[in-house]
């Protein structure tokens, strides 16, 4: 396993060393506006956000706020300066999974056209050491935020928050979302990749009405289905979006462009 981890680390290093960007001064002026917007958003949503610049190979924005609700984890780009420090804080049993997932994100981005790249989000869950020394489960996302003038990856947005349900028997999991096509890619291992829609057409109809403030009875009347069917769809939506309540599901669907 250690040799495999070393091999993944080596490929990570090679990717960063060989990646090239063509970014103008005007693009960096726009990036300053992006940083301000992300800073405000991180405060509103109470989650960690940072922006990595693949041209300068450094974080150009690091959110330093700490949540008062959870045992705060240590993250690269937020509390640390190097990726080696990030690796050191990942649970040893999850490190191979995390390294592999990062490479999957990069490979997928270059398997689609540049017009689709900024719609790619890799969402995964794993354990990270907190500031008190214990491991906590986190929800970590890599969002391809902007491209350079050639359509190559430039700005990556990293988002992270603590998973409320810290079950001891959880397993790391990942899902890649392409908001341009409305498809998700469930990666179980190197050879098992399942592509499927994030939500069914009817579930999208339901969550759109939920976003408008409709209750189950109103949705049933407008879609000509029973209240029981509406509630089944609502339950399915919460499961598929990994949400605890309707508000979270609506926010998630809005973020990935479903509504």
C-alpha atoms as a PDB file:
ATOM      1  CA  UNK A   1       0.000   0.000   0.000  1.00  0.00           C
ATOM      2  CA  UNK A   2       2.832   2.435   0.856  1.00  0.00           C
ATOM      3  CA  UNK A   3       4.416   1.981  -2.581  1.00  0.00           C
ATOM      4  CA  UNK A   4       1.049   2.734  -4.163  1.00  0.00           C
ATOM      5  CA  UNK A   5       0.681   5.884  -2.045  1.00  0.00           C
ATOM      6  CA  UNK A   6       4.196   6.991  -2.985  1.00  0.00           C
ATOM      7  CA  UNK A   7       3.332   6.466  -6.653  1.00  0.00           C
ATOM      8  CA  UNK A   8       0.172   8.586  -6.318  1.00  0.00           C
ATOM      9  CA  UNK A   9       2.102  11.336  -4.536  1.00  0.00           C
ATOM     10  CA  UNK A  10       4.677  11.286  -7.321  1.00  0.00           C
ATOM     11  CA  UNK A  11       2.009  11.706  -9.974  1.00  0.00           C
ATOM     12  CA  UNK A  12       0.436  14.574  -8.014  1.00  0.00           C
ATOM     13  CA  UNK A  13       3.815  16.296  -7.909  1.00  0.00           C
ATOM     14  CA  UNK A  14       4.428  15.741 -11.616  1.00  0.00           C
ATOM     15  CA  UNK A  15       1.025  17.143 -12.533  1.00  0.00           C
ATOM     16  CA  UNK A  16       1.647  20.328 -10.579  1.00  0.00           C
ATOM     17  CA  UNK A  17       5.167  20.717 -11.934  1.00  0.00           C
ATOM     18  CA  UNK A  18       4.115  20.198 -15.564  1.00  0.00           C
ATOM     19  CA  UNK A  19       0.826  22.110 -15.568  1.00  0.00           C
ATOM     20  CA  UNK A  20       1.013  25.372 -17.517  1.00  0.00           C
ATOM     21  CA  UNK A  21      -1.399  28.311 -17.675  1.00  0.00           C
ATOM     22  CA  UNK A  22      -1.762  31.349 -19.908  1.00  0.00           C
ATOM     23  CA  UNK A  23      -3.241  34.045 -17.672  1.00  0.00           C
ATOM     24  CA  UNK A  24      -3.341  37.777 -18.383  1.00  0.00           C
ATOM     25  CA  UNK A  25      -3.115  40.673 -15.924  1.00  0.00           C
ATOM     26  CA  UNK A  26      -6.764  41.456 -16.650  1.00  0.00           C
ATOM     27  CA  UNK A  27      -7.709  37.957 -15.590  1.00  0.00           C
ATOM     28  CA  UNK A  28      -6.024  38.534 -12.235  1.00  0.00           C
ATOM     29  CA  UNK A  29      -8.002  41.740 -11.795  1.00  0.00           C
ATOM     30  CA  UNK A  30     -11.157  39.671 -12.224  1.00  0.00           C
ATOM     31  CA  UNK A  31      -9.745  37.114  -9.777  1.00  0.00           C
ATOM     32  CA  UNK A  32      -9.615  39.794  -7.089  1.00  0.00           C
ATOM     33  CA  UNK A  33     -13.372  40.235  -7.451  1.00  0.00           C
ATOM     34  CA  UNK A  34     -13.815  36.486  -7.228  1.00  0.00           C
ATOM     35  CA  UNK A  35     -11.803  36.373  -3.983  1.00  0.00           C
ATOM     36  CA  UNK A  36     -14.036  39.010  -2.384  1.00  0.00           C
ATOM     37  CA  UNK A  37     -17.173  37.162  -3.430  1.00  0.00           C
ATOM     38  CA  UNK A  38     -15.866  33.837  -2.090  1.00  0.00           C
ATOM     39  CA  UNK A  39     -14.856  35.498   1.179  1.00  0.00           C
ATOM     40  CA  UNK A  40     -18.390  36.782   1.699  1.00  0.00           C
ATOM     41  CA  UNK A  41     -19.916  33.450   0.708  1.00  0.00           C
ATOM     42  CA  UNK A  42     -17.724  31.504   3.138  1.00  0.00           C
ATOM     43  CA  UNK A  43     -18.894  33.705   6.004  1.00  0.00           C
ATOM     44  CA  UNK A  44     -22.549  33.366   5.044  1.00  0.00           C
ATOM     45  CA  UNK A  45     -22.414  29.594   4.711  1.00  0.00           C
ATOM     46  CA  UNK A  46     -19.991  29.037   7.626  1.00  0.00           C
ATOM     47  CA  UNK A  47     -17.737  26.687   5.698  1.00  0.00           C
ATOM     48  CA  UNK A  48     -14.085  26.642   4.751  1.00  0.00           C
ATOM     49  CA  UNK A  49     -13.240  27.888   1.269  1.00  0.00           C
ATOM     50  CA  UNK A  50      -9.948  28.492  -0.483  1.00  0.00           C
ATOM     51  CA  UNK A  51      -8.816  29.196  -4.050  1.00  0.00           C
ATOM     52  CA  UNK A  52      -5.768  27.544  -5.560  1.00  0.00           C
ATOM     53  CA  UNK A  53      -4.037  29.215  -8.504  1.00  0.00           C
ATOM     54  CA  UNK A  54      -2.556  26.595 -10.853  1.00  0.00           C
ATOM     55  CA  UNK A  55      -0.580  29.312 -12.636  1.00  0.00           C
ATOM     56  CA  UNK A  56       1.252  30.591  -9.560  1.00  0.00           C
ATOM     57  CA  UNK A  57       0.981  27.204  -7.834  1.00  0.00           C
ATOM     58  CA  UNK A  58      -0.214  28.769  -4.610  1.00  0.00           C
ATOM     59  CA  UNK A  59      -3.366  29.622  -2.730  1.00  0.00           C
ATOM     60  CA  UNK A  60      -4.520  33.139  -3.571  1.00  0.00           C
ATOM     61  CA  UNK A  61      -7.350  33.031  -1.056  1.00  0.00           C
ATOM     62  CA  UNK A  62      -7.477  31.251   2.274  1.00  0.00           C
ATOM     63  CA  UNK A  63     -10.427  31.500   4.604  1.00  0.00           C
ATOM     64  CA  UNK A  64      -9.087  31.697   8.164  1.00  0.00           C
ATOM     65  CA  UNK A  65     -12.368  31.745  10.049  1.00  0.00           C
ATOM     66  CA  UNK A  66     -13.084  28.900  12.448  1.00  0.00           C
ATOM     67  CA  UNK A  67     -16.425  27.307  13.110  1.00  0.00           C
ATOM     68  CA  UNK A  68     -17.588  27.509  16.708  1.00  0.00           C
ATOM     69  CA  UNK A  69     -19.848  24.501  16.205  1.00  0.00           C
ATOM     70  CA  UNK A  70     -17.334  21.770  15.474  1.00  0.00           C
ATOM     71  CA  UNK A  71     -13.883  20.534  16.330  1.00  0.00           C
ATOM     72  CA  UNK A  72     -12.185  22.340  13.476  1.00  0.00           C
ATOM     73  CA  UNK A  73     -10.054  20.237  11.076  1.00  0.00           C
ATOM     74  CA  UNK A  74      -6.687  21.188   9.682  1.00  0.00           C
ATOM     75  CA  UNK A  75      -6.716  21.855   5.927  1.00  0.00           C
ATOM     76  CA  UNK A  76      -4.096  22.702   3.375  1.00  0.00           C
ATOM     77  CA  UNK A  77      -4.594  26.178   2.028  1.00  0.00           C
ATOM     78  CA  UNK A  78      -6.258  27.192   5.259  1.00  0.00           C
ATOM     79  CA  UNK A  79      -3.922  26.222   8.066  1.00  0.00           C
ATOM     80  CA  UNK A  80      -0.962  24.712   6.241  1.00  0.00           C
ATOM     81  CA  UNK A  81       1.406  25.832   3.491  1.00  0.00           C
ATOM     82  CA  UNK A  82       2.229  22.572   1.740  1.00  0.00           C
ATOM     83  CA  UNK A  83       0.464  19.540   0.342  1.00  0.00           C
ATOM     84  CA  UNK A  84       2.735  17.301   2.398  1.00  0.00           C
ATOM     85  CA  UNK A  85       1.218  18.900   5.496  1.00  0.00           C
ATOM     86  CA  UNK A  86      -2.218  18.130   4.068  1.00  0.00           C
ATOM     87  CA  UNK A  87      -1.264  14.484   3.524  1.00  0.00           C
ATOM     88  CA  UNK A  88       0.021  14.226   7.099  1.00  0.00           C
ATOM     89  CA  UNK A  89      -3.364  15.287   8.468  1.00  0.00           C
ATOM     90  CA  UNK A  90      -5.428  12.782   6.503  1.00  0.00           C
ATOM     91  CA  UNK A  91      -6.332   9.547   8.244  1.00  0.00           C
ATOM     92  CA  UNK A  92      -3.767   6.925   7.096  1.00  0.00           C
ATOM     93  CA  UNK A  93      -6.542   4.564   5.990  1.00  0.00           C
ATOM     94  CA  UNK A  94      -8.045   7.279   3.756  1.00  0.00           C
ATOM     95  CA  UNK A  95      -4.878   8.730   2.212  1.00  0.00           C
ATOM     96  CA  UNK A  96      -4.788   6.428  -0.825  1.00  0.00           C
ATOM     97  CA  UNK A  97      -8.458   7.214  -1.489  1.00  0.00           C
ATOM     98  CA  UNK A  98      -7.896  10.996  -1.267  1.00  0.00           C
ATOM     99  CA  UNK A  99      -4.832  10.998  -3.535  1.00  0.00           C
ATOM    100  CA  UNK A 100      -6.592   8.795  -6.065  1.00  0.00           C
ATOM    101  CA  UNK A 101      -9.692  11.008  -6.039  1.00  0.00           C
ATOM    102  CA  UNK A 102      -7.685  14.144  -6.760  1.00  0.00           C
ATOM    103  CA  UNK A 103      -6.148  12.481  -9.810  1.00  0.00           C
ATOM    104  CA  UNK A 104      -9.560  11.259 -10.961  1.00  0.00           C
ATOM    105  CA  UNK A 105     -10.820  14.854 -10.856  1.00  0.00           C
ATOM    106  CA  UNK A 106      -7.927  16.069 -13.000  1.00  0.00           C
ATOM    107  CA  UNK A 107      -8.224  13.210 -15.491  1.00  0.00           C
ATOM    108  CA  UNK A 108     -11.966  13.695 -15.895  1.00  0.00           C
ATOM    109  CA  UNK A 109     -11.569  17.448 -16.473  1.00  0.00           C
ATOM    110  CA  UNK A 110      -9.307  16.728 -19.427  1.00  0.00           C
ATOM    111  CA  UNK A 111     -11.609  14.036 -20.793  1.00  0.00           C
ATOM    112  CA  UNK A 112     -14.313  16.633 -21.574  1.00  0.00           C
ATOM    113  CA  UNK A 113     -14.277  19.789 -23.687  1.00  0.00           C
ATOM    114  CA  UNK A 114     -13.116  23.089 -22.116  1.00  0.00           C
ATOM    115  CA  UNK A 115     -16.707  24.357 -22.215  1.00  0.00           C
ATOM    116  CA  UNK A 116     -17.692  21.613 -19.758  1.00  0.00           C
ATOM    117  CA  UNK A 117     -14.718  21.844 -17.406  1.00  0.00           C
ATOM    118  CA  UNK A 118     -15.989  24.667 -15.212  1.00  0.00           C
ATOM    119  CA  UNK A 119     -19.057  22.575 -14.490  1.00  0.00           C
ATOM    120  CA  UNK A 120     -17.088  19.769 -12.836  1.00  0.00           C
ATOM    121  CA  UNK A 121     -17.316  19.219  -9.085  1.00  0.00           C
ATOM    122  CA  UNK A 122     -15.656  16.333  -7.225  1.00  0.00           C
ATOM    123  CA  UNK A 123     -17.313  15.760  -3.877  1.00  0.00           C
ATOM    124  CA  UNK A 124     -15.780  13.294  -1.434  1.00  0.00           C
ATOM    125  CA  UNK A 125     -15.817  12.364   2.222  1.00  0.00           C
ATOM    126  CA  UNK A 126     -12.857  11.280   4.333  1.00  0.00           C
ATOM    127  CA  UNK A 127     -11.259  11.762   7.738  1.00  0.00           C
ATOM    128  CA  UNK A 128      -8.941  14.623   8.654  1.00  0.00           C
ATOM    129  CA  UNK A 129      -7.106  15.281  11.903  1.00  0.00           C
ATOM    130  CA  UNK A 130      -8.642  18.145  13.879  1.00  0.00           C
ATOM    131  CA  UNK A 131      -6.808  20.743  15.915  1.00  0.00           C
ATOM    132  CA  UNK A 132      -7.411  18.670  19.044  1.00  0.00           C
ATOM    133  CA  UNK A 133      -5.736  15.663  17.432  1.00  0.00           C
ATOM    134  CA  UNK A 134      -8.764  13.488  16.751  1.00  0.00           C
ATOM    135  CA  UNK A 135     -10.020  12.551  13.286  1.00  0.00           C
ATOM    136  CA  UNK A 136     -13.294  13.984  11.998  1.00  0.00           C
ATOM    137  CA  UNK A 137     -15.303  13.182   8.875  1.00  0.00           C
ATOM    138  CA  UNK A 138     -15.395  16.041   6.393  1.00  0.00           C
ATOM    139  CA  UNK A 139     -17.213  16.790   3.162  1.00  0.00           C
ATOM    140  CA  UNK A 140     -14.594  18.100   0.740  1.00  0.00           C
ATOM    141  CA  UNK A 141     -15.257  19.498  -2.741  1.00  0.00           C
ATOM    142  CA  UNK A 142     -12.973  20.504  -5.585  1.00  0.00           C
ATOM    143  CA  UNK A 143     -14.678  22.888  -7.990  1.00  0.00           C
ATOM    144  CA  UNK A 144     -13.069  23.891 -11.283  1.00  0.00           C
ATOM    145  CA  UNK A 145     -13.802  27.591 -10.932  1.00  0.00           C
ATOM    146  CA  UNK A 146     -12.041  29.177 -13.912  1.00  0.00           C
ATOM    147  CA  UNK A 147      -9.896  28.346 -16.936  1.00  0.00           C
ATOM    148  CA  UNK A 148      -7.044  30.160 -18.626  1.00  0.00           C
ATOM    149  CA  UNK A 149      -7.240  31.624 -22.146  1.00  0.00           C
ATOM    150  CA  UNK A 150      -6.423  28.215 -23.643  1.00  0.00           C
ATOM    151  CA  UNK A 151      -9.148  26.394 -21.757  1.00  0.00           C
ATOM    152  CA  UNK A 152      -6.723  24.771 -19.296  1.00  0.00           C
ATOM    153  CA  UNK A 153      -7.411  24.570 -15.570  1.00  0.00           C
ATOM    154  CA  UNK A 154      -6.502  27.753 -13.711  1.00  0.00           C
ATOM    155  CA  UNK A 155      -8.461  28.395 -10.490  1.00  0.00           C
ATOM    156  CA  UNK A 156      -9.653  25.594  -8.230  1.00  0.00           C
ATOM    157  CA  UNK A 157     -12.134  26.290  -5.460  1.00  0.00           C
ATOM    158  CA  UNK A 158     -11.816  24.048  -2.396  1.00  0.00           C
ATOM    159  CA  UNK A 159     -14.796  23.828  -0.045  1.00  0.00           C
ATOM    160  CA  UNK A 160     -14.994  21.852   3.167  1.00  0.00           C
ATOM    161  CA  UNK A 161     -17.263  21.398   6.135  1.00  0.00           C
ATOM    162  CA  UNK A 162     -17.743  18.924   8.937  1.00  0.00           C
ATOM    163  CA  UNK A 163     -20.232  16.111   8.362  1.00  0.00           C
ATOM    164  CA  UNK A 164     -22.793  16.409  11.196  1.00  0.00           C
ATOM    165  CA  UNK A 165     -23.268  12.656  11.539  1.00  0.00           C
ATOM    166  CA  UNK A 166     -19.853  11.372  12.664  1.00  0.00           C
ATOM    167  CA  UNK A 167     -20.669   7.651  12.372  1.00  0.00           C
ATOM    168  CA  UNK A 168     -17.804   5.363  13.318  1.00  0.00           C
ATOM    169  CA  UNK A 169     -18.647   2.869  10.570  1.00  0.00           C
ATOM    170  CA  UNK A 170     -18.671   5.401   7.729  1.00  0.00           C
ATOM    171  CA  UNK A 171     -16.586   4.695   4.662  1.00  0.00           C
ATOM    172  CA  UNK A 172     -14.905   7.225   2.350  1.00  0.00           C
ATOM    173  CA  UNK A 173     -17.026   7.951  -0.696  1.00  0.00           C
ATOM    174  CA  UNK A 174     -16.850  10.180  -3.730  1.00  0.00           C
ATOM    175  CA  UNK A 175     -19.034  11.423  -6.527  1.00  0.00           C
ATOM    176  CA  UNK A 176     -18.191  13.600  -9.519  1.00  0.00           C
ATOM    177  CA  UNK A 177     -20.874  15.986 -10.725  1.00  0.00           C
ATOM    178  CA  UNK A 178     -20.952  17.518 -14.185  1.00  0.00           C
ATOM    179  CA  UNK A 179     -23.503  20.318 -13.904  1.00  0.00           C
ATOM    180  CA  UNK A 180     -23.380  20.942 -17.658  1.00  0.00           C
ATOM    181  CA  UNK A 181     -24.758  17.525 -18.502  1.00  0.00           C
ATOM    182  CA  UNK A 182     -26.721  16.914 -15.301  1.00  0.00           C
ATOM    183  CA  UNK A 183     -24.878  13.640 -14.755  1.00  0.00           C
ATOM    184  CA  UNK A 184     -23.029  12.198 -11.787  1.00  0.00           C
ATOM    185  CA  UNK A 185     -20.201   9.697 -11.852  1.00  0.00           C
ATOM    186  CA  UNK A 186     -20.032   7.346  -8.875  1.00  0.00           C
ATOM    187  CA  UNK A 187     -16.469   6.098  -8.471  1.00  0.00           C
ATOM    188  CA  UNK A 188     -16.337   2.934  -6.382  1.00  0.00           C
ATOM    189  CA  UNK A 189     -12.883   1.824  -7.498  1.00  0.00           C
ATOM    190  CA  UNK A 190     -10.602   2.147 -10.497  1.00  0.00           C
ATOM    191  CA  UNK A 191     -12.735  -0.083 -12.690  1.00  0.00           C
ATOM    192  CA  UNK A 192     -16.295   0.529 -11.473  1.00  0.00           C
ATOM    193  CA  UNK A 193     -17.654   3.864 -12.666  1.00  0.00           C
ATOM    194  CA  UNK A 194     -21.410   4.351 -12.832  1.00  0.00           C
ATOM    195  CA  UNK A 195     -22.911   7.327 -14.642  1.00  0.00           C
ATOM    196  CA  UNK A 196     -26.451   8.381 -13.800  1.00  0.00           C
ATOM    197  CA  UNK A 197     -28.608  11.513 -13.515  1.00  0.00           C
ATOM    198  CA  UNK A 198     -28.338  13.375 -10.206  1.00  0.00           C
ATOM    199  CA  UNK A 199     -32.114  13.577  -9.823  1.00  0.00           C
ATOM    200  CA  UNK A 200     -34.909  12.181 -11.955  1.00  0.00           C
ATOM    201  CA  UNK A 201     -37.021  14.563 -14.039  1.00  0.00           C
ATOM    202  CA  UNK A 202     -39.901  14.264 -11.565  1.00  0.00           C
ATOM    203  CA  UNK A 203     -37.599  14.883  -8.589  1.00  0.00           C
ATOM    204  CA  UNK A 204     -36.339  18.034 -10.299  1.00  0.00           C
ATOM    205  CA  UNK A 205     -39.955  19.133 -10.769  1.00  0.00           C
ATOM    206  CA  UNK A 206     -40.555  18.592  -7.054  1.00  0.00           C
ATOM    207  CA  UNK A 207     -37.450  20.409  -5.841  1.00  0.00           C
ATOM    208  CA  UNK A 208     -38.187  23.360  -8.125  1.00  0.00           C
ATOM    209  CA  UNK A 209     -41.585  23.729  -6.461  1.00  0.00           C
ATOM    210  CA  UNK A 210     -40.014  23.281  -3.031  1.00  0.00           C
ATOM    211  CA  UNK A 211     -37.655  26.137  -3.865  1.00  0.00           C
ATOM    212  CA  UNK A 212     -40.741  28.282  -4.551  1.00  0.00           C
ATOM    213  CA  UNK A 213     -42.040  27.535  -1.058  1.00  0.00           C
ATOM    214  CA  UNK A 214     -44.715  25.013  -2.017  1.00  0.00           C
ATOM    215  CA  UNK A 215     -45.829  22.424   0.545  1.00  0.00           C
ATOM    216  CA  UNK A 216     -46.422  18.760  -0.330  1.00  0.00           C
ATOM    217  CA  UNK A 217     -50.148  19.259  -0.947  1.00  0.00           C
ATOM    218  CA  UNK A 218     -49.524  22.176  -3.306  1.00  0.00           C
ATOM    219  CA  UNK A 219     -46.901  20.156  -5.180  1.00  0.00           C
ATOM    220  CA  UNK A 220     -49.283  17.195  -5.439  1.00  0.00           C
ATOM    221  CA  UNK A 221     -51.999  19.431  -6.884  1.00  0.00           C
ATOM    222  CA  UNK A 222     -49.704  21.090  -9.409  1.00  0.00           C
ATOM    223  CA  UNK A 223     -48.072  17.871 -10.584  1.00  0.00           C
ATOM    224  CA  UNK A 224     -51.292  15.797 -10.435  1.00  0.00           C
ATOM    225  CA  UNK A 225     -49.783  13.171  -8.149  1.00  0.00           C
ATOM    226  CA  UNK A 226     -50.608  12.014  -4.613  1.00  0.00           C
ATOM    227  CA  UNK A 227     -49.160  13.585  -1.468  1.00  0.00           C
ATOM    228  CA  UNK A 228     -47.646  10.198  -0.629  1.00  0.00           C
ATOM    229  CA  UNK A 229     -45.790  10.195  -3.971  1.00  0.00           C
ATOM    230  CA  UNK A 230     -44.559  13.738  -3.330  1.00  0.00           C
ATOM    231  CA  UNK A 231     -43.197  12.716   0.070  1.00  0.00           C
ATOM    232  CA  UNK A 232     -41.434   9.702  -1.478  1.00  0.00           C
ATOM    233  CA  UNK A 233     -39.784  12.045  -3.975  1.00  0.00           C
ATOM    234  CA  UNK A 234     -38.788  14.396  -1.153  1.00  0.00           C
ATOM    235  CA  UNK A 235     -37.177  11.551   0.773  1.00  0.00           C
ATOM    236  CA  UNK A 236     -35.318  10.406  -2.354  1.00  0.00           C
ATOM    237  CA  UNK A 237     -34.090  13.961  -3.009  1.00  0.00           C
ATOM    238  CA  UNK A 238     -32.632  14.211   0.500  1.00  0.00           C
ATOM    239  CA  UNK A 239     -30.809  10.901   0.069  1.00  0.00           C
ATOM    240  CA  UNK A 240     -29.415  11.686  -3.393  1.00  0.00           C
ATOM    241  CA  UNK A 241     -28.216  15.163  -2.410  1.00  0.00           C
ATOM    242  CA  UNK A 242     -26.903  13.991   0.971  1.00  0.00           C
ATOM    243  CA  UNK A 243     -29.005  16.673   2.670  1.00  0.00           C
ATOM    244  CA  UNK A 244     -30.505  16.756   6.146  1.00  0.00           C
ATOM    245  CA  UNK A 245     -33.458  18.970   5.244  1.00  0.00           C
ATOM    246  CA  UNK A 246     -35.258  20.599   2.340  1.00  0.00           C
ATOM    247  CA  UNK A 247     -33.365  23.877   2.652  1.00  0.00           C
ATOM    248  CA  UNK A 248     -30.028  22.095   2.228  1.00  0.00           C
ATOM    249  CA  UNK A 249     -31.341  20.119  -0.751  1.00  0.00           C
ATOM    250  CA  UNK A 250     -32.606  23.278  -2.463  1.00  0.00           C
ATOM    251  CA  UNK A 251     -29.282  25.038  -1.841  1.00  0.00           C
ATOM    252  CA  UNK A 252     -27.378  22.056  -3.228  1.00  0.00           C
ATOM    253  CA  UNK A 253     -29.572  21.830  -6.329  1.00  0.00           C
ATOM    254  CA  UNK A 254     -29.171  25.549  -6.909  1.00  0.00           C
ATOM    255  CA  UNK A 255     -25.368  25.340  -6.597  1.00  0.00           C
ATOM    256  CA  UNK A 256     -25.026  22.628  -9.201  1.00  0.00           C
ATOM    257  CA  UNK A 257     -27.450  24.268 -11.609  1.00  0.00           C
ATOM    258  CA  UNK A 258     -30.456  21.948 -11.366  1.00  0.00           C
ATOM    259  CA  UNK A 259     -32.808  24.821 -10.491  1.00  0.00           C
END
